[in-house]
Amino acid sequence: MVLPESSHIPRVLIFDADAERAGRLSSRLAAGGMIASVCPDGSTLLTTVHSETPELIIVGLDVPPHGGLALARTLKNDNVLAHLPVLLVVPEVDLARIRTTGEYLFDDYIGPDPSSEDLLARALLCVHRTLRQLDASPLTRLPGNNSITTEMEIRIARKEEFATVYVDLSDFKAFNDRYGFSRGDEALRLTARLVVSCVSANSPQDYYIGHVGGDDFIFIVPSDRAEPICVQFIRSFDEIIGAVYDEEDRRRGYIQSVNRRGETETFPQMTVSLAVVVNRHGQFEHPGEISAIAAELKKKIKQALESGFLVDRREKVRK
């Protein structure tokens, strides 16, 4: 088994009472493409973790002075280190006890002599599960910026033809100021559900959806599916967004809120802008190029003061 395509190589710190076993685990992980090191002394483990935080800690059940479970408890009770996944090395005789423990201080466990394939698979599962949880938006549960960038980098490296669509709500800040964060969160969750519904219905075999942050979302689909999705999304958004407004504001079609200069201003019902950038002929080398073009498109769309989308038609063939 080898590491999936990624620009980052996970680092693993191993602490085990059996030095020979620790070395064996380290060698197998390194052979699989991970960066693995052994911590020989438990007294320096926390210092090492704080100074050079790894993506995974592998701990033997029988490590001194109090055992792997106690060490895992210490890590999970540290608010700076609590997110680090712990993979417990469990001797065969202790497996039954570990399976039934009610104290879930570790993220996964392995036997004392796992195959290279099983070790690497479990290590990667721990690392990527944690990265997804840390990166995901707590509001929408959609992947965040790090995951989005990685996905775009992989597709660019493969020279795929794909469309990246940036979704941006207009006048969301005014809405948030008028109704408060709770109602604002409701509007964002509604938008997220709508993006997922429209994208998955129109491109069920190949899509990626992320939450850039705030009122900005993104989805990646095959280039020929982008425009139909945009059309459906805009139609659906304009039909249902009024539901998050008070009846009086919905009926008159605008709200009053304080602008960035501290002045009371009238703001229309929220609209949505979708900027579509297509990677053709491997023309892009970095996600930043795509986002820069999308920012230009969104400015043009917002000038119309209504929901809409624009597709970047420029092509730049790299030699």
Protein backbone atom coordinates (compact mmCIF):
# COMPACT_ATOMS: atom_id res chain seq x y z
CA MET A 1 0.00 0.00 0.00
CA VAL A 2 1.23 3.52 -0.79
CA LEU A 3 0.19 6.99 0.29
CA PRO A 4 -2.60 8.67 -1.71
CA GLU A 5 -1.74 11.72 -3.79
CA SER A 6 -1.16 14.66 -1.49
CA SER A 7 1.23 17.54 -1.01
CA HIS A 8 1.73 16.67 2.67
CA ILE A 9 3.47 13.61 4.12
CA PRO A 10 2.10 12.61 7.56
CA ARG A 11 4.53 12.43 10.48
CA VAL A 12 4.22 9.67 13.08
CA LEU A 13 5.77 9.48 16.54
CA ILE A 14 6.14 6.01 18.09
CA PHE A 15 6.60 5.25 21.79
CA ASP A 16 6.79 1.59 22.81
CA ALA A 17 8.41 -0.28 25.67
CA ASP A 18 9.70 -2.80 23.13
CA ALA A 19 12.42 -0.91 21.25
CA GLU A 20 12.72 -3.62 18.62
CA ARG A 21 9.00 -3.51 17.90
CA ALA A 22 9.04 0.31 17.74
CA GLY A 23 11.85 0.17 15.21
CA ARG A 24 9.97 -2.38 13.15
CA LEU A 25 6.82 -0.25 13.08
CA SER A 26 8.87 2.81 12.15
CA SER A 27 10.56 1.01 9.25
CA ARG A 28 7.26 -0.28 7.87
CA LEU A 29 5.65 3.15 7.99
CA ALA A 30 8.68 4.77 6.37
CA ALA A 31 8.63 2.15 3.62
CA GLY A 32 5.00 3.16 2.99
CA GLY A 33 5.95 6.81 2.53
CA MET A 34 5.26 8.26 5.98
CA ILE A 35 7.78 10.09 8.16
CA ALA A 36 8.17 7.96 11.30
CA SER A 37 10.38 8.47 14.34
CA VAL A 38 10.76 6.66 17.65
CA CYS A 39 10.64 8.39 21.02
CA PRO A 40 12.90 6.31 23.31
CA ASP A 41 12.00 8.05 26.55
CA GLY A 42 8.47 8.64 27.79
CA SER A 43 9.60 11.54 29.97
CA THR A 44 10.35 13.60 26.87
CA LEU A 45 7.32 12.50 24.86
CA LEU A 46 5.06 15.44 25.68
CA THR A 47 7.88 17.93 25.13
CA THR A 48 8.59 16.37 21.75
CA VAL A 49 4.91 16.40 20.79
CA HIS A 50 4.50 20.05 21.78
CA SER A 51 7.60 21.20 19.91
CA GLU A 52 7.17 19.12 16.74
CA THR A 53 3.53 18.06 16.70
CA PRO A 54 3.02 14.90 14.63
CA GLU A 55 -0.16 13.85 12.83
CA LEU A 56 -0.31 10.51 14.67
CA ILE A 57 1.06 8.99 17.87
CA ILE A 58 1.52 5.22 18.14
CA VAL A 59 1.73 4.05 21.74
CA GLY A 60 2.35 0.61 23.23
CA LEU A 61 -0.18 -0.59 25.79
CA ASP A 62 2.61 -1.48 28.23
CA VAL A 63 4.71 1.71 28.08
CA PRO A 64 6.15 3.01 31.37
CA PRO A 65 5.37 4.38 33.81
CA HIS A 66 1.58 3.89 33.84
CA GLY A 67 0.76 2.30 30.49
CA GLY A 68 -0.55 3.41 27.12
CA LEU A 69 -4.10 4.10 28.27
CA ALA A 70 -2.88 6.53 30.95
CA LEU A 71 -0.66 8.26 28.40
CA ALA A 72 -3.58 8.48 25.97
CA ARG A 73 -5.68 10.01 28.74
CA THR A 74 -3.01 12.65 29.35
CA LEU A 75 -2.94 13.54 25.66
CA LYS A 76 -6.73 13.72 25.34
CA ASN A 77 -6.98 15.93 28.45
CA ASP A 78 -4.55 18.45 26.94
CA ASN A 79 -6.66 20.92 24.97
CA VAL A 80 -3.75 21.62 22.60
CA LEU A 81 -3.08 17.95 21.87
CA ALA A 82 -6.55 16.44 22.28
CA HIS A 83 -7.11 16.33 18.52
CA LEU A 84 -4.08 14.09 17.90
CA PRO A 85 -5.11 10.54 17.01
CA VAL A 86 -3.64 7.78 19.16
CA LEU A 87 -3.06 4.31 17.68
CA LEU A 88 -2.61 1.77 20.48
CA VAL A 89 -0.32 -1.28 20.08
CA VAL A 90 -2.01 -4.11 21.95
CA PRO A 91 -0.51 -7.55 22.70
CA GLU A 92 -2.67 -10.50 21.67
CA VAL A 93 -3.46 -11.43 25.29
CA ASP A 94 -4.95 -7.98 25.93
CA LEU A 95 -7.05 -7.63 22.79
CA ALA A 96 -10.27 -8.91 24.38
CA ARG A 97 -9.96 -6.47 27.28
CA ILE A 98 -9.26 -3.53 24.99
CA ARG A 99 -12.25 -4.33 22.80
CA THR A 100 -14.58 -4.11 25.77
CA THR A 101 -13.11 -1.11 27.57
CA GLY A 102 -15.60 1.67 28.13
CA GLU A 103 -12.90 4.32 28.11
CA TYR A 104 -12.36 5.41 24.51
CA LEU A 105 -9.08 7.24 24.91
CA PHE A 106 -7.54 5.97 21.69
CA ASP A 107 -8.67 6.23 18.06
CA ASP A 108 -7.77 2.74 16.85
CA TYR A 109 -5.63 -0.23 17.82
CA ILE A 110 -3.36 -2.77 16.17
CA GLY A 111 -1.79 -6.04 17.19
CA PRO A 112 1.90 -6.23 18.15
CA ASP A 113 3.08 -7.37 14.72
CA PRO A 114 0.75 -5.98 12.03
CA SER A 115 1.48 -6.44 8.36
CA SER A 116 2.90 -3.42 6.56
CA GLU A 117 -0.36 -3.02 4.64
CA ASP A 118 -2.57 -3.16 7.74
CA LEU A 119 -0.31 -0.81 9.71
CA LEU A 120 -0.20 1.80 6.97
CA ALA A 121 -3.93 1.55 6.31
CA ARG A 122 -4.86 2.04 9.97
CA ALA A 123 -2.36 4.88 10.37
CA LEU A 124 -3.72 6.69 7.32
CA LEU A 125 -7.31 6.16 8.45
CA CYS A 126 -6.52 7.81 11.79
CA VAL A 127 -4.67 10.72 10.19
CA HIS A 128 -7.18 11.51 7.48
CA ARG A 129 -10.21 11.04 9.72
CA THR A 130 -8.76 13.60 12.11
CA LEU A 131 -7.82 16.03 9.35
CA ARG A 132 -11.34 15.87 7.94
CA GLN A 133 -12.85 16.50 11.37
CA LEU A 134 -10.55 19.44 12.07
CA ASP A 135 -11.04 20.97 8.64
CA ALA A 136 -14.80 20.45 8.32
CA SER A 137 -17.08 23.41 8.96
CA PRO A 138 -18.78 22.88 12.35
CA LEU A 139 -21.89 24.56 10.92
CA THR A 140 -22.40 22.72 7.61
CA ARG A 141 -20.09 19.69 8.11
CA LEU A 142 -18.69 20.33 4.64
CA PRO A 143 -14.91 20.14 4.02
CA GLY A 144 -12.98 23.35 4.65
CA ASN A 145 -10.13 25.21 3.00
CA ASN A 146 -7.33 22.69 3.49
CA SER A 147 -9.37 19.84 2.04
CA ILE A 148 -10.59 22.04 -0.81
CA THR A 149 -7.05 23.06 -1.73
CA THR A 150 -5.84 19.46 -1.63
CA GLU A 151 -8.69 18.31 -3.87
CA MET A 152 -7.94 21.04 -6.41
CA GLU A 153 -4.21 20.31 -6.34
CA ILE A 154 -4.82 16.63 -7.06
CA ARG A 155 -7.12 17.38 -10.01
CA ILE A 156 -4.72 19.96 -11.38
CA ALA A 157 -1.78 17.55 -11.09
CA ARG A 158 -3.78 14.96 -13.03
CA LYS A 159 -4.51 17.60 -15.70
CA GLU A 160 -8.21 16.82 -15.46
CA GLU A 161 -10.78 18.97 -17.18
CA PHE A 162 -13.09 20.15 -14.43
CA ALA A 163 -15.20 23.14 -13.48
CA THR A 164 -14.74 24.91 -10.15
CA VAL A 165 -17.81 26.90 -9.10
CA TYR A 166 -17.58 29.49 -6.33
CA VAL A 167 -20.89 30.31 -4.61
CA ASP A 168 -21.18 33.66 -2.84
CA LEU A 169 -24.21 35.22 -1.12
CA SER A 170 -24.78 38.95 -1.61
CA ASP A 171 -25.87 41.13 1.33
CA PHE A 172 -25.41 38.29 3.83
CA LYS A 173 -23.69 40.58 6.35
CA ALA A 174 -26.68 42.92 6.36
CA PHE A 175 -28.98 39.93 6.89
CA ASN A 176 -26.79 38.70 9.75
CA ASP A 177 -26.78 42.15 11.36
CA ARG A 178 -30.55 42.47 11.03
CA TYR A 179 -31.55 39.03 12.32
CA GLY A 180 -28.57 37.82 14.35
CA PHE A 181 -26.12 34.95 14.05
CA SER A 182 -28.67 32.19 14.68
CA ARG A 183 -30.79 33.23 11.68
CA GLY A 184 -27.60 33.76 9.68
CA ASP A 185 -26.51 30.20 10.45
CA GLU A 186 -29.92 28.99 9.32
CA ALA A 187 -29.44 30.74 5.96
CA LEU A 188 -25.98 29.17 5.55
CA ARG A 189 -27.23 25.68 6.37
CA LEU A 190 -30.07 26.13 3.88
CA THR A 191 -27.56 27.20 1.22
CA ALA A 192 -25.30 24.23 1.99
CA ARG A 193 -28.19 21.77 1.71
CA LEU A 194 -29.24 23.34 -1.57
CA VAL A 195 -25.72 23.09 -3.02
CA VAL A 196 -25.49 19.43 -2.03
CA SER A 197 -28.94 18.66 -3.44
CA CYS A 198 -28.39 20.36 -6.81
CA VAL A 199 -24.86 19.07 -7.33
CA SER A 200 -25.51 15.47 -6.33
CA ALA A 201 -28.67 15.32 -8.46
CA ASN A 202 -26.91 16.60 -11.59
CA SER A 203 -23.46 15.03 -11.21
CA PRO A 204 -23.91 11.92 -9.06
CA GLN A 205 -20.72 10.16 -10.18
CA ASP A 206 -18.12 12.89 -9.80
CA TYR A 207 -18.40 15.94 -7.57
CA TYR A 208 -16.75 17.68 -4.64
CA ILE A 209 -18.42 20.23 -2.35
CA GLY A 210 -16.75 22.43 0.25
CA HIS A 211 -17.45 25.35 2.58
CA VAL A 212 -14.75 27.98 2.09
CA GLY A 213 -16.05 29.93 5.09
CA GLY A 214 -18.81 32.37 5.98
CA ASP A 215 -21.17 32.72 3.03
CA ASP A 216 -18.71 31.27 0.49
CA PHE A 217 -19.10 27.74 -0.85
CA ILE A 218 -17.44 25.81 -3.65
CA PHE A 219 -18.18 22.78 -5.77
CA ILE A 220 -16.16 20.93 -8.40
CA VAL A 221 -17.86 18.99 -11.18
CA PRO A 222 -17.19 17.81 -14.73
CA SER A 223 -17.09 20.86 -17.00
CA ASP A 224 -20.24 19.92 -18.90
CA ARG A 225 -22.32 19.73 -15.70
CA ALA A 226 -21.49 23.17 -14.28
CA GLU A 227 -24.01 25.31 -16.17
CA PRO A 228 -27.05 23.05 -15.64
CA ILE A 229 -26.26 22.94 -11.92
CA CYS A 230 -25.90 26.73 -11.75
CA VAL A 231 -29.24 27.24 -13.49
CA GLN A 232 -31.05 24.87 -11.13
CA PHE A 233 -29.33 26.23 -8.03
CA ILE A 234 -30.17 29.86 -8.80
CA ARG A 235 -33.80 29.03 -9.54
CA SER A 236 -34.14 27.04 -6.31
CA PHE A 237 -32.25 29.59 -4.20
CA ASP A 238 -34.38 32.51 -5.35
CA GLU A 239 -37.53 30.49 -4.65
CA ILE A 240 -36.72 29.49 -1.08
CA ILE A 241 -34.37 32.11 0.40
CA GLY A 242 -37.34 34.29 1.33
CA ALA A 243 -38.28 31.67 3.94
CA VAL A 244 -35.49 32.87 6.26
CA TYR A 245 -36.87 36.44 6.34
CA ASP A 246 -39.64 37.77 8.57
CA GLU A 247 -42.96 37.96 6.76
CA GLU A 248 -43.03 41.76 6.78
CA ASP A 249 -39.53 42.05 5.30
CA ARG A 250 -40.30 39.32 2.78
CA ARG A 251 -43.46 41.06 1.67
CA ARG A 252 -41.80 44.44 1.06
CA GLY A 253 -38.70 42.82 -0.48
CA TYR A 254 -35.97 44.48 1.59
CA ILE A 255 -34.57 44.95 5.08
CA GLN A 256 -33.01 47.89 6.87
CA SER A 257 -29.62 47.41 8.46
CA VAL A 258 -26.51 49.38 9.38
CA ASN A 259 -23.85 49.49 6.65
CA ARG A 260 -20.05 49.43 7.11
CA ARG A 261 -20.04 53.21 7.63
CA GLY A 262 -22.49 52.97 10.53
CA GLU A 263 -25.38 54.37 8.52
CA THR A 264 -28.86 52.86 8.19
CA GLU A 265 -29.32 51.48 4.70
CA THR A 266 -31.87 49.46 2.76
CA PHE A 267 -30.75 46.04 1.53
CA PRO A 268 -32.65 43.80 -0.90
CA GLN A 269 -33.33 40.11 -0.36
CA MET A 270 -30.14 38.07 -0.61
CA THR A 271 -29.03 36.95 -4.05
CA VAL A 272 -26.36 34.46 -5.08
CA SER A 273 -23.40 34.78 -7.44
CA LEU A 274 -21.78 31.71 -9.02
CA ALA A 275 -18.38 32.07 -10.69
CA VAL A 276 -17.44 29.14 -12.94
CA VAL A 277 -13.78 28.52 -13.85
CA VAL A 278 -12.96 25.59 -16.12
CA ASN A 279 -9.55 23.93 -16.16
CA ARG A 280 -9.00 23.01 -19.82
CA HIS A 281 -5.81 21.56 -21.32
CA GLY A 282 -4.07 21.68 -17.93
CA GLN A 283 -3.99 25.48 -18.09
CA PHE A 284 -3.77 26.00 -14.32
CA GLU A 285 -0.86 25.11 -12.07
CA HIS A 286 -2.21 26.24 -8.70
CA PRO A 287 -5.64 26.65 -7.04
CA GLY A 288 -4.82 30.30 -6.43
CA GLU A 289 -5.04 30.97 -10.16
CA ILE A 290 -8.59 29.60 -10.22
CA SER A 291 -9.72 31.57 -7.17
CA ALA A 292 -8.29 34.82 -8.58
CA ILE A 293 -10.32 34.45 -11.79
CA ALA A 294 -13.41 33.52 -9.77
CA ALA A 295 -13.04 36.71 -7.71
CA GLU A 296 -13.10 38.79 -10.91
CA LEU A 297 -16.20 36.99 -12.14
CA LYS A 298 -18.06 37.47 -8.86
CA LYS A 299 -17.50 41.23 -8.99
CA LYS A 300 -19.07 41.37 -12.44
CA ILE A 301 -22.05 39.23 -11.42
CA LYS A 302 -22.80 41.37 -8.38
CA GLN A 303 -23.05 44.48 -10.52
CA ALA A 304 -26.31 43.09 -11.91
CA LEU A 305 -27.89 43.15 -8.40
CA GLU A 306 -29.59 39.81 -9.01
CA SER A 307 -28.69 36.14 -8.81
CA GLY A 308 -26.60 34.91 -11.71
CA PHE A 309 -23.55 33.04 -12.90
CA LEU A 310 -20.65 33.64 -15.27
CA VAL A 311 -18.35 31.14 -16.93
CA ASP A 312 -14.75 32.08 -17.63
CA ARG A 313 -14.22 31.37 -21.33
CA ARG A 314 -10.55 32.20 -21.50
CA GLU A 315 -8.12 29.43 -22.36
CA LYS A 316 -4.42 29.50 -21.70
CA VAL A 317 -2.51 26.50 -22.97
CA ARG A 318 0.71 25.92 -21.04
CA LYS A 319 3.68 24.52 -22.93
